[in-house]
Amino acid sequence: MIDPQLANYIGFAGMACIIGAYGYQTAKGRPNPFVQHGVNLAGAILLTISLIVHTNLASLVLEGFWAAIALFGLGKAFAERSAARKKLP
């Protein structure tokens, strides 16, 4: 089991990832989707670890959706990159 204080620090790191990714998206004209969605996914995972120790069901479900959206975004970015590479001579 994770120490509750460590779980708090992990949760704060996850929060920083999500806020940082949102700030990055807002500041950049065309954000790199791998950075944006990858950092969001990392944040969701870290917050989920924290929420397993400090259970809040609504927040845990939210992080599940947040992770799913990030995975969808990463999948879309990989597909677009693959399609762009196929167009190159």
C-alpha atoms as a PDB file:
ATOM      1  CA  MET A   1       0.000   0.000   0.000  1.00  0.00           C
ATOM      2  CA  ILE A   2       1.168   3.512  -0.756  1.00  0.00           C
ATOM      3  CA  ASP A   3       1.775   5.876   2.141  1.00  0.00           C
ATOM      4  CA  PRO A   4      -1.087   8.423   2.227  1.00  0.00           C
ATOM      5  CA  GLN A   5       1.336  11.362   2.229  1.00  0.00           C
ATOM      6  CA  LEU A   6       3.156   9.957  -0.812  1.00  0.00           C
ATOM      7  CA  ALA A   7      -0.227   9.500  -2.512  1.00  0.00           C
ATOM      8  CA  ASN A   8      -0.877  13.211  -1.958  1.00  0.00           C
ATOM      9  CA  TYR A   9       2.434  14.121  -3.610  1.00  0.00           C
ATOM     10  CA  ILE A  10       1.668  11.800  -6.523  1.00  0.00           C
ATOM     11  CA  GLY A  11      -1.742  13.450  -6.869  1.00  0.00           C
ATOM     12  CA  PHE A  12      -0.202  16.915  -6.882  1.00  0.00           C
ATOM     13  CA  ALA A  13       2.227  15.792  -9.597  1.00  0.00           C
ATOM     14  CA  GLY A  14      -0.733  14.538 -11.642  1.00  0.00           C
ATOM     15  CA  MET A  15      -2.561  17.803 -11.122  1.00  0.00           C
ATOM     16  CA  ALA A  16       0.532  19.712 -12.285  1.00  0.00           C
ATOM     17  CA  CYS A  17       0.690  17.547 -15.430  1.00  0.00           C
ATOM     18  CA  ILE A  18      -2.937  18.220 -16.353  1.00  0.00           C
ATOM     19  CA  ILE A  19      -2.735  21.935 -15.637  1.00  0.00           C
ATOM     20  CA  GLY A  20       0.571  22.151 -17.507  1.00  0.00           C
ATOM     21  CA  ALA A  21      -0.859  20.337 -20.527  1.00  0.00           C
ATOM     22  CA  TYR A  22      -3.868  22.644 -20.585  1.00  0.00           C
ATOM     23  CA  GLY A  23      -1.621  25.688 -20.290  1.00  0.00           C
ATOM     24  CA  TYR A  24       0.583  24.322 -23.080  1.00  0.00           C
ATOM     25  CA  GLN A  25      -2.458  23.814 -25.307  1.00  0.00           C
ATOM     26  CA  THR A  26      -3.672  27.331 -24.582  1.00  0.00           C
ATOM     27  CA  ALA A  27      -0.276  28.988 -25.126  1.00  0.00           C
ATOM     28  CA  LYS A  28       0.681  27.186 -28.351  1.00  0.00           C
ATOM     29  CA  GLY A  29      -0.961  27.960 -31.647  1.00  0.00           C
ATOM     30  CA  ARG A  30      -0.559  24.366 -32.774  1.00  0.00           C
ATOM     31  CA  PRO A  31       0.377  22.181 -29.812  1.00  0.00           C
ATOM     32  CA  ASN A  32       2.171  18.899 -30.366  1.00  0.00           C
ATOM     33  CA  PRO A  33      -0.579  16.321 -29.760  1.00  0.00           C
ATOM     34  CA  PHE A  34       1.901  13.775 -28.415  1.00  0.00           C
ATOM     35  CA  VAL A  35       3.014  16.226 -25.714  1.00  0.00           C
ATOM     36  CA  GLN A  36      -0.484  17.458 -24.976  1.00  0.00           C
ATOM     37  CA  HIS A  37      -2.200  14.065 -24.729  1.00  0.00           C
ATOM     38  CA  GLY A  38       0.809  12.239 -23.307  1.00  0.00           C
ATOM     39  CA  VAL A  39       1.135  14.670 -20.397  1.00  0.00           C
ATOM     40  CA  ASN A  40      -2.633  14.565 -19.844  1.00  0.00           C
ATOM     41  CA  LEU A  41      -2.494  10.769 -19.721  1.00  0.00           C
ATOM     42  CA  ALA A  42       0.401  10.847 -17.258  1.00  0.00           C
ATOM     43  CA  GLY A  43      -1.559  13.270 -15.097  1.00  0.00           C
ATOM     44  CA  ALA A  44      -4.655  11.071 -15.158  1.00  0.00           C
ATOM     45  CA  ILE A  45      -2.600   8.025 -14.174  1.00  0.00           C
ATOM     46  CA  LEU A  46      -0.888   9.852 -11.314  1.00  0.00           C
ATOM     47  CA  LEU A  47      -4.191  11.236 -10.034  1.00  0.00           C
ATOM     48  CA  THR A  48      -5.731   7.764 -10.270  1.00  0.00           C
ATOM     49  CA  ILE A  49      -2.945   6.380  -8.084  1.00  0.00           C
ATOM     50  CA  SER A  50      -3.665   9.088  -5.538  1.00  0.00           C
ATOM     51  CA  LEU A  51      -7.417   8.462  -5.743  1.00  0.00           C
ATOM     52  CA  ILE A  52      -6.975   4.758  -5.078  1.00  0.00           C
ATOM     53  CA  VAL A  53      -5.518   5.699  -1.677  1.00  0.00           C
ATOM     54  CA  HIS A  54      -7.830   8.672  -1.054  1.00  0.00           C
ATOM     55  CA  THR A  55     -10.974   7.325  -2.660  1.00  0.00           C
ATOM     56  CA  ASN A  56     -13.392   9.776  -4.229  1.00  0.00           C
ATOM     57  CA  LEU A  57     -15.511   7.820  -6.682  1.00  0.00           C
ATOM     58  CA  ALA A  58     -16.635  10.791  -8.773  1.00  0.00           C
ATOM     59  CA  SER A  59     -13.052  11.983  -9.247  1.00  0.00           C
ATOM     60  CA  LEU A  60     -11.877   8.451  -9.991  1.00  0.00           C
ATOM     61  CA  VAL A  61     -14.498   8.116 -12.746  1.00  0.00           C
ATOM     62  CA  LEU A  62     -13.507  11.545 -14.091  1.00  0.00           C
ATOM     63  CA  GLU A  63      -9.870  10.443 -14.329  1.00  0.00           C
ATOM     64  CA  GLY A  64     -10.969   7.337 -16.215  1.00  0.00           C
ATOM     65  CA  PHE A  65     -12.682   9.511 -18.807  1.00  0.00           C
ATOM     66  CA  TRP A  66      -9.720  11.911 -18.866  1.00  0.00           C
ATOM     67  CA  ALA A  67      -7.373   8.984 -19.563  1.00  0.00           C
ATOM     68  CA  ALA A  68      -9.696   7.622 -22.268  1.00  0.00           C
ATOM     69  CA  ILE A  69      -9.798  11.006 -24.013  1.00  0.00           C
ATOM     70  CA  ALA A  70      -5.999  11.245 -23.835  1.00  0.00           C
ATOM     71  CA  LEU A  71      -5.630   7.739 -25.280  1.00  0.00           C
ATOM     72  CA  PHE A  72      -8.064   8.638 -28.073  1.00  0.00           C
ATOM     73  CA  GLY A  73      -6.047  11.790 -28.800  1.00  0.00           C
ATOM     74  CA  LEU A  74      -2.791   9.831 -28.884  1.00  0.00           C
ATOM     75  CA  GLY A  75      -4.337   7.210 -31.176  1.00  0.00           C
ATOM     76  CA  LYS A  76      -5.555   9.930 -33.509  1.00  0.00           C
ATOM     77  CA  ALA A  77      -2.125  11.605 -33.502  1.00  0.00           C
ATOM     78  CA  PHE A  78      -0.383   8.310 -34.329  1.00  0.00           C
ATOM     79  CA  ALA A  79      -2.864   7.624 -37.157  1.00  0.00           C
ATOM     80  CA  GLU A  80      -2.383  11.114 -38.611  1.00  0.00           C
ATOM     81  CA  ARG A  81       1.393  10.782 -38.439  1.00  0.00           C
ATOM     82  CA  SER A  82       1.228   7.400 -40.136  1.00  0.00           C
ATOM     83  CA  ALA A  83      -1.027   8.756 -42.894  1.00  0.00           C
ATOM     84  CA  ALA A  84       1.298  11.742 -43.424  1.00  0.00           C
ATOM     85  CA  ARG A  85       4.305   9.438 -43.772  1.00  0.00           C
ATOM     86  CA  LYS A  86       2.526   7.330 -46.388  1.00  0.00           C
ATOM     87  CA  LYS A  87       2.009  10.459 -48.516  1.00  0.00           C
ATOM     88  CA  LEU A  88       5.748  11.190 -48.610  1.00  0.00           C
ATOM     89  CA  PRO A  89       7.540  10.039 -51.779  1.00  0.00           C
END
